[in-house]
């Protein structure tokens, strides 16, 4: 899909900004993580991304194979979140963030037996819970990634053989070097503890 076509399609289907309505309840950090999820979803599903726009860096040249590999990579956190929080939470994110459904539309879709006011209330609560689950998922991912980077740096300090580590971690050498460098940065970070002063 060409960018102008995608933008026209996107404006047409995004009818309600439910995400902004939930900002006072969940906070800015959760909203930012939701924007990250929808950017990954759009690239994985529609093949559209604006990642390099206004980044100050030149676009990295690639081809159809590297682009498809990137799309496949973006599917990984989406599927991981679905396993983490369940199919219903995943579907709520798609309806709320990707399709721009209102709380009323989400309520009618999930709880058709309830009255309209109850549908909206249930939808609001369910969407809030889905966003908080997404926040919990990203927090766990950051901890796991940091732990892997520290483990890689310690392994390299103990046995500085890059080919061995590449096999152990299942990474190519450039990615392995980046992981080690990230781990070293965290290991070398100064630790600020409480200091006692005698007076």
C-alpha atoms as a PDB file:
ATOM      1  CA  UNK A   1       0.000   0.000   0.000  1.00  0.00           C
ATOM      2  CA  UNK A   2       1.358   3.418  -0.931  1.00  0.00           C
ATOM      3  CA  UNK A   3       1.697   5.971   1.853  1.00  0.00           C
ATOM      4  CA  UNK A   4      -1.045   8.388   0.573  1.00  0.00           C
ATOM      5  CA  UNK A   5      -3.453   5.449   0.189  1.00  0.00           C
ATOM      6  CA  UNK A   6      -2.607   4.221   3.673  1.00  0.00           C
ATOM      7  CA  UNK A   7      -3.138   7.667   5.196  1.00  0.00           C
ATOM      8  CA  UNK A   8      -6.523   8.038   3.484  1.00  0.00           C
ATOM      9  CA  UNK A   9      -7.505   4.561   4.614  1.00  0.00           C
ATOM     10  CA  UNK A  10      -6.229   5.275   8.122  1.00  0.00           C
ATOM     11  CA  UNK A  11      -8.148   8.533   8.488  1.00  0.00           C
ATOM     12  CA  UNK A  12     -11.314   6.880   7.277  1.00  0.00           C
ATOM     13  CA  UNK A  13     -11.206   3.957   9.694  1.00  0.00           C
ATOM     14  CA  UNK A  14      -9.921   5.792  12.762  1.00  0.00           C
ATOM     15  CA  UNK A  15     -13.231   7.086  14.027  1.00  0.00           C
ATOM     16  CA  UNK A  16     -12.599   7.467  17.753  1.00  0.00           C
ATOM     17  CA  UNK A  17      -9.527   8.255  19.846  1.00  0.00           C
ATOM     18  CA  UNK A  18     -10.214   5.921  22.755  1.00  0.00           C
ATOM     19  CA  UNK A  19      -6.525   5.932  23.684  1.00  0.00           C
ATOM     20  CA  UNK A  20      -6.480   9.631  24.565  1.00  0.00           C
ATOM     21  CA  UNK A  21      -9.685   9.199  26.560  1.00  0.00           C
ATOM     22  CA  UNK A  22      -7.827   6.683  28.750  1.00  0.00           C
ATOM     23  CA  UNK A  23      -4.717   8.840  29.272  1.00  0.00           C
ATOM     24  CA  UNK A  24      -5.918  10.315  32.627  1.00  0.00           C
ATOM     25  CA  UNK A  25      -6.570   6.796  33.930  1.00  0.00           C
ATOM     26  CA  UNK A  26      -3.356   5.046  32.807  1.00  0.00           C
ATOM     27  CA  UNK A  27      -0.723   7.796  32.462  1.00  0.00           C
ATOM     28  CA  UNK A  28       1.641   9.002  29.754  1.00  0.00           C
ATOM     29  CA  UNK A  29       4.077   6.076  29.942  1.00  0.00           C
ATOM     30  CA  UNK A  30       1.345   3.527  29.211  1.00  0.00           C
ATOM     31  CA  UNK A  31       0.082   5.676  26.318  1.00  0.00           C
ATOM     32  CA  UNK A  32       3.609   5.835  24.846  1.00  0.00           C
ATOM     33  CA  UNK A  33       3.878   2.041  25.031  1.00  0.00           C
ATOM     34  CA  UNK A  34       0.526   1.722  23.266  1.00  0.00           C
ATOM     35  CA  UNK A  35       1.872   3.935  20.455  1.00  0.00           C
ATOM     36  CA  UNK A  36       4.880   1.623  20.204  1.00  0.00           C
ATOM     37  CA  UNK A  37       2.565  -1.399  19.921  1.00  0.00           C
ATOM     38  CA  UNK A  38       0.452   0.156  17.160  1.00  0.00           C
ATOM     39  CA  UNK A  39       3.579   1.155  15.193  1.00  0.00           C
ATOM     40  CA  UNK A  40       4.768  -2.475  15.322  1.00  0.00           C
ATOM     41  CA  UNK A  41       1.290  -3.744  14.402  1.00  0.00           C
ATOM     42  CA  UNK A  42       0.964  -1.409  11.396  1.00  0.00           C
ATOM     43  CA  UNK A  43       4.339  -2.491  10.059  1.00  0.00           C
ATOM     44  CA  UNK A  44       3.736  -6.202  10.662  1.00  0.00           C
ATOM     45  CA  UNK A  45       0.184  -6.275   9.265  1.00  0.00           C
ATOM     46  CA  UNK A  46       0.034  -3.466   6.675  1.00  0.00           C
ATOM     47  CA  UNK A  47       3.714  -3.161   5.776  1.00  0.00           C
ATOM     48  CA  UNK A  48       3.750   0.551   6.563  1.00  0.00           C
ATOM     49  CA  UNK A  49       6.165   2.378   8.817  1.00  0.00           C
ATOM     50  CA  UNK A  50       7.281   5.951   9.353  1.00  0.00           C
ATOM     51  CA  UNK A  51      10.201   4.934  11.538  1.00  0.00           C
ATOM     52  CA  UNK A  52      12.837   7.021   9.755  1.00  0.00           C
ATOM     53  CA  UNK A  53      10.729  10.168   9.456  1.00  0.00           C
ATOM     54  CA  UNK A  54      12.369  13.172  11.157  1.00  0.00           C
ATOM     55  CA  UNK A  55      14.913  10.878  12.792  1.00  0.00           C
ATOM     56  CA  UNK A  56      17.906  12.858  11.592  1.00  0.00           C
ATOM     57  CA  UNK A  57      19.488   9.713  10.167  1.00  0.00           C
ATOM     58  CA  UNK A  58      19.577   8.552   6.549  1.00  0.00           C
ATOM     59  CA  UNK A  59      17.348   5.633   5.680  1.00  0.00           C
ATOM     60  CA  UNK A  60      19.119   2.253   5.655  1.00  0.00           C
ATOM     61  CA  UNK A  61      19.041   0.763   2.137  1.00  0.00           C
ATOM     62  CA  UNK A  62      17.392  -2.615   1.867  1.00  0.00           C
ATOM     63  CA  UNK A  63      15.366  -4.845  -0.410  1.00  0.00           C
ATOM     64  CA  UNK A  64      12.184  -6.885  -0.297  1.00  0.00           C
ATOM     65  CA  UNK A  65      13.904  -9.622   1.716  1.00  0.00           C
ATOM     66  CA  UNK A  66      15.268  -7.346   4.434  1.00  0.00           C
ATOM     67  CA  UNK A  67      11.918  -5.524   4.611  1.00  0.00           C
ATOM     68  CA  UNK A  68      10.010  -8.783   5.023  1.00  0.00           C
ATOM     69  CA  UNK A  69      12.513  -9.833   7.693  1.00  0.00           C
ATOM     70  CA  UNK A  70      11.810  -6.545   9.500  1.00  0.00           C
ATOM     71  CA  UNK A  71       8.063  -7.144   9.280  1.00  0.00           C
ATOM     72  CA  UNK A  72       8.546 -10.637  10.684  1.00  0.00           C
ATOM     73  CA  UNK A  73      10.644  -9.229  13.516  1.00  0.00           C
ATOM     74  CA  UNK A  74       7.834  -6.820  14.450  1.00  0.00           C
ATOM     75  CA  UNK A  75       5.417  -9.756  14.729  1.00  0.00           C
ATOM     76  CA  UNK A  76       7.461 -11.251  17.583  1.00  0.00           C
ATOM     77  CA  UNK A  77       6.439  -8.801  20.374  1.00  0.00           C
ATOM     78  CA  UNK A  78       2.830  -8.759  19.126  1.00  0.00           C
ATOM     79  CA  UNK A  79       2.556 -12.539  19.362  1.00  0.00           C
ATOM     80  CA  UNK A  80       4.458 -12.562  22.645  1.00  0.00           C
ATOM     81  CA  UNK A  81       1.967 -10.087  24.136  1.00  0.00           C
ATOM     82  CA  UNK A  82      -0.919 -12.241  22.913  1.00  0.00           C
ATOM     83  CA  UNK A  83       0.592 -15.210  24.780  1.00  0.00           C
ATOM     84  CA  UNK A  84       1.244 -13.021  27.831  1.00  0.00           C
ATOM     85  CA  UNK A  85      -2.202 -11.416  28.168  1.00  0.00           C
ATOM     86  CA  UNK A  86      -4.486 -13.639  26.087  1.00  0.00           C
ATOM     87  CA  UNK A  87      -6.368 -13.360  22.809  1.00  0.00           C
ATOM     88  CA  UNK A  88      -9.100 -11.100  24.210  1.00  0.00           C
ATOM     89  CA  UNK A  89      -6.618  -8.427  25.356  1.00  0.00           C
ATOM     90  CA  UNK A  90      -4.890  -8.621  21.970  1.00  0.00           C
ATOM     91  CA  UNK A  91      -8.214  -8.170  20.164  1.00  0.00           C
ATOM     92  CA  UNK A  92      -9.087  -5.178  22.355  1.00  0.00           C
ATOM     93  CA  UNK A  93      -5.788  -3.506  21.368  1.00  0.00           C
ATOM     94  CA  UNK A  94      -6.507  -4.146  17.676  1.00  0.00           C
ATOM     95  CA  UNK A  95     -10.026  -2.706  17.958  1.00  0.00           C
ATOM     96  CA  UNK A  96      -8.971   0.251  20.104  1.00  0.00           C
ATOM     97  CA  UNK A  97      -5.602   1.190  18.552  1.00  0.00           C
ATOM     98  CA  UNK A  98      -5.607  -0.206  15.011  1.00  0.00           C
ATOM     99  CA  UNK A  99      -9.273   0.217  14.075  1.00  0.00           C
ATOM    100  CA  UNK A 100     -10.075   3.190  16.284  1.00  0.00           C
ATOM    101  CA  UNK A 101     -13.327   1.765  17.619  1.00  0.00           C
ATOM    102  CA  UNK A 102     -15.241   3.754  20.214  1.00  0.00           C
ATOM    103  CA  UNK A 103     -16.029   2.315  23.632  1.00  0.00           C
ATOM    104  CA  UNK A 104     -19.629   1.890  22.483  1.00  0.00           C
ATOM    105  CA  UNK A 105     -18.559  -0.167  19.438  1.00  0.00           C
ATOM    106  CA  UNK A 106     -16.221  -2.312  21.523  1.00  0.00           C
ATOM    107  CA  UNK A 107     -18.971  -2.825  24.121  1.00  0.00           C
ATOM    108  CA  UNK A 108     -21.521  -3.905  21.500  1.00  0.00           C
ATOM    109  CA  UNK A 109     -18.993  -6.314  19.992  1.00  0.00           C
ATOM    110  CA  UNK A 110     -18.005  -8.033  23.269  1.00  0.00           C
ATOM    111  CA  UNK A 111     -21.114  -7.723  25.462  1.00  0.00           C
ATOM    112  CA  UNK A 112     -24.195  -7.548  23.192  1.00  0.00           C
ATOM    113  CA  UNK A 113     -26.464  -8.785  25.999  1.00  0.00           C
ATOM    114  CA  UNK A 114     -25.839  -5.708  28.183  1.00  0.00           C
ATOM    115  CA  UNK A 115     -27.454  -2.288  28.040  1.00  0.00           C
ATOM    116  CA  UNK A 116     -25.588   0.472  26.196  1.00  0.00           C
ATOM    117  CA  UNK A 117     -24.361   2.254  29.333  1.00  0.00           C
ATOM    118  CA  UNK A 118     -23.094  -1.020  30.779  1.00  0.00           C
ATOM    119  CA  UNK A 119     -21.426  -1.876  27.474  1.00  0.00           C
ATOM    120  CA  UNK A 120     -19.485   1.392  27.507  1.00  0.00           C
ATOM    121  CA  UNK A 121     -18.435   0.920  31.128  1.00  0.00           C
ATOM    122  CA  UNK A 122     -17.268  -2.657  30.519  1.00  0.00           C
ATOM    123  CA  UNK A 123     -15.391  -1.585  27.396  1.00  0.00           C
ATOM    124  CA  UNK A 124     -13.645   1.265  29.227  1.00  0.00           C
ATOM    125  CA  UNK A 125     -12.548  -1.037  32.041  1.00  0.00           C
ATOM    126  CA  UNK A 126     -11.452  -3.804  29.646  1.00  0.00           C
ATOM    127  CA  UNK A 127      -9.441  -1.409  27.461  1.00  0.00           C
ATOM    128  CA  UNK A 128      -7.765   0.065  30.531  1.00  0.00           C
ATOM    129  CA  UNK A 129      -6.870  -3.452  31.736  1.00  0.00           C
ATOM    130  CA  UNK A 130      -5.488  -4.342  28.281  1.00  0.00           C
ATOM    131  CA  UNK A 131      -3.248  -1.253  28.279  1.00  0.00           C
ATOM    132  CA  UNK A 132      -1.981  -2.038  31.778  1.00  0.00           C
ATOM    133  CA  UNK A 133      -1.267  -5.619  30.659  1.00  0.00           C
ATOM    134  CA  UNK A 134       0.697  -4.191  27.744  1.00  0.00           C
ATOM    135  CA  UNK A 135       2.674  -2.007  30.178  1.00  0.00           C
ATOM    136  CA  UNK A 136       3.429  -5.064  32.320  1.00  0.00           C
ATOM    137  CA  UNK A 137       4.511  -6.973  29.203  1.00  0.00           C
ATOM    138  CA  UNK A 138       6.924  -4.240  28.064  1.00  0.00           C
ATOM    139  CA  UNK A 139       8.348  -3.972  31.614  1.00  0.00           C
ATOM    140  CA  UNK A 140       9.046  -7.709  31.658  1.00  0.00           C
ATOM    141  CA  UNK A 141      10.580  -7.506  28.171  1.00  0.00           C
ATOM    142  CA  UNK A 142      12.921  -4.693  29.226  1.00  0.00           C
ATOM    143  CA  UNK A 143      14.040  -6.670  32.287  1.00  0.00           C
ATOM    144  CA  UNK A 144      14.603  -9.811  30.220  1.00  0.00           C
ATOM    145  CA  UNK A 145      16.540  -7.920  27.547  1.00  0.00           C
ATOM    146  CA  UNK A 146      18.692  -6.180  30.151  1.00  0.00           C
ATOM    147  CA  UNK A 147      19.374  -9.515  31.855  1.00  0.00           C
ATOM    148  CA  UNK A 148      20.393 -11.096  28.550  1.00  0.00           C
ATOM    149  CA  UNK A 149      22.750  -8.211  27.745  1.00  0.00           C
ATOM    150  CA  UNK A 150      24.423  -8.406  31.182  1.00  0.00           C
ATOM    151  CA  UNK A 151      24.741 -12.193  30.868  1.00  0.00           C
ATOM    152  CA  UNK A 152      26.355 -11.798  27.418  1.00  0.00           C
ATOM    153  CA  UNK A 153      28.852  -9.232  28.713  1.00  0.00           C
ATOM    154  CA  UNK A 154      29.813 -11.461  31.655  1.00  0.00           C
ATOM    155  CA  UNK A 155      30.203 -14.469  29.383  1.00  0.00           C
ATOM    156  CA  UNK A 156      32.460 -12.460  27.069  1.00  0.00           C
ATOM    157  CA  UNK A 157      34.578 -11.314  30.024  1.00  0.00           C
ATOM    158  CA  UNK A 158      35.000 -14.934  31.128  1.00  0.00           C
ATOM    159  CA  UNK A 159      35.643 -16.333  27.642  1.00  0.00           C
ATOM    160  CA  UNK A 160      36.207 -13.637  24.982  1.00  0.00           C
ATOM    161  CA  UNK A 161      35.424 -15.845  21.981  1.00  0.00           C
ATOM    162  CA  UNK A 162      32.840 -14.191  19.761  1.00  0.00           C
ATOM    163  CA  UNK A 163      32.047 -17.262  17.553  1.00  0.00           C
ATOM    164  CA  UNK A 164      31.294 -19.360  20.651  1.00  0.00           C
ATOM    165  CA  UNK A 165      28.966 -16.695  22.050  1.00  0.00           C
ATOM    166  CA  UNK A 166      27.258 -16.260  18.676  1.00  0.00           C
ATOM    167  CA  UNK A 167      26.381 -19.949  18.684  1.00  0.00           C
ATOM    168  CA  UNK A 168      25.265 -19.867  22.311  1.00  0.00           C
ATOM    169  CA  UNK A 169      23.025 -16.810  21.894  1.00  0.00           C
ATOM    170  CA  UNK A 170      21.949 -17.548  18.309  1.00  0.00           C
ATOM    171  CA  UNK A 171      23.087 -14.151  17.008  1.00  0.00           C
ATOM    172  CA  UNK A 172      25.238 -12.935  14.148  1.00  0.00           C
ATOM    173  CA  UNK A 173      28.497 -11.201  15.094  1.00  0.00           C
ATOM    174  CA  UNK A 174      27.250  -7.585  14.624  1.00  0.00           C
ATOM    175  CA  UNK A 175      24.215  -8.232  16.841  1.00  0.00           C
ATOM    176  CA  UNK A 176      26.353 -10.099  19.363  1.00  0.00           C
ATOM    177  CA  UNK A 177      28.786  -7.175  19.600  1.00  0.00           C
ATOM    178  CA  UNK A 178      25.897  -4.764  20.187  1.00  0.00           C
ATOM    179  CA  UNK A 179      24.460  -6.996  22.907  1.00  0.00           C
ATOM    180  CA  UNK A 180      27.838  -7.258  24.665  1.00  0.00           C
ATOM    181  CA  UNK A 181      28.394  -3.489  24.416  1.00  0.00           C
ATOM    182  CA  UNK A 182      24.963  -2.858  25.930  1.00  0.00           C
ATOM    183  CA  UNK A 183      25.675  -5.280  28.749  1.00  0.00           C
ATOM    184  CA  UNK A 184      29.077  -3.693  29.407  1.00  0.00           C
ATOM    185  CA  UNK A 185      27.463  -0.284  29.584  1.00  0.00           C
ATOM    186  CA  UNK A 186      25.042  -1.530  32.247  1.00  0.00           C
ATOM    187  CA  UNK A 187      27.761  -3.341  34.193  1.00  0.00           C
ATOM    188  CA  UNK A 188      29.986  -0.247  34.186  1.00  0.00           C
ATOM    189  CA  UNK A 189      27.195   2.054  35.294  1.00  0.00           C
ATOM    190  CA  UNK A 190      28.107   3.637  38.648  1.00  0.00           C
ATOM    191  CA  UNK A 191      26.092   2.361  41.571  1.00  0.00           C
ATOM    192  CA  UNK A 192      24.829   5.106  43.888  1.00  0.00           C
ATOM    193  CA  UNK A 193      24.424   3.828  47.413  1.00  0.00           C
ATOM    194  CA  UNK A 194      23.648   5.555  50.674  1.00  0.00           C
ATOM    195  CA  UNK A 195      26.733   6.991  52.328  1.00  0.00           C
ATOM    196  CA  UNK A 196      27.024   7.545  56.036  1.00  0.00           C
ATOM    197  CA  UNK A 197      28.651  10.747  57.233  1.00  0.00           C
ATOM    198  CA  UNK A 198      30.207  11.093  60.638  1.00  0.00           C
ATOM    199  CA  UNK A 199      29.576  14.418  62.305  1.00  0.00           C
END
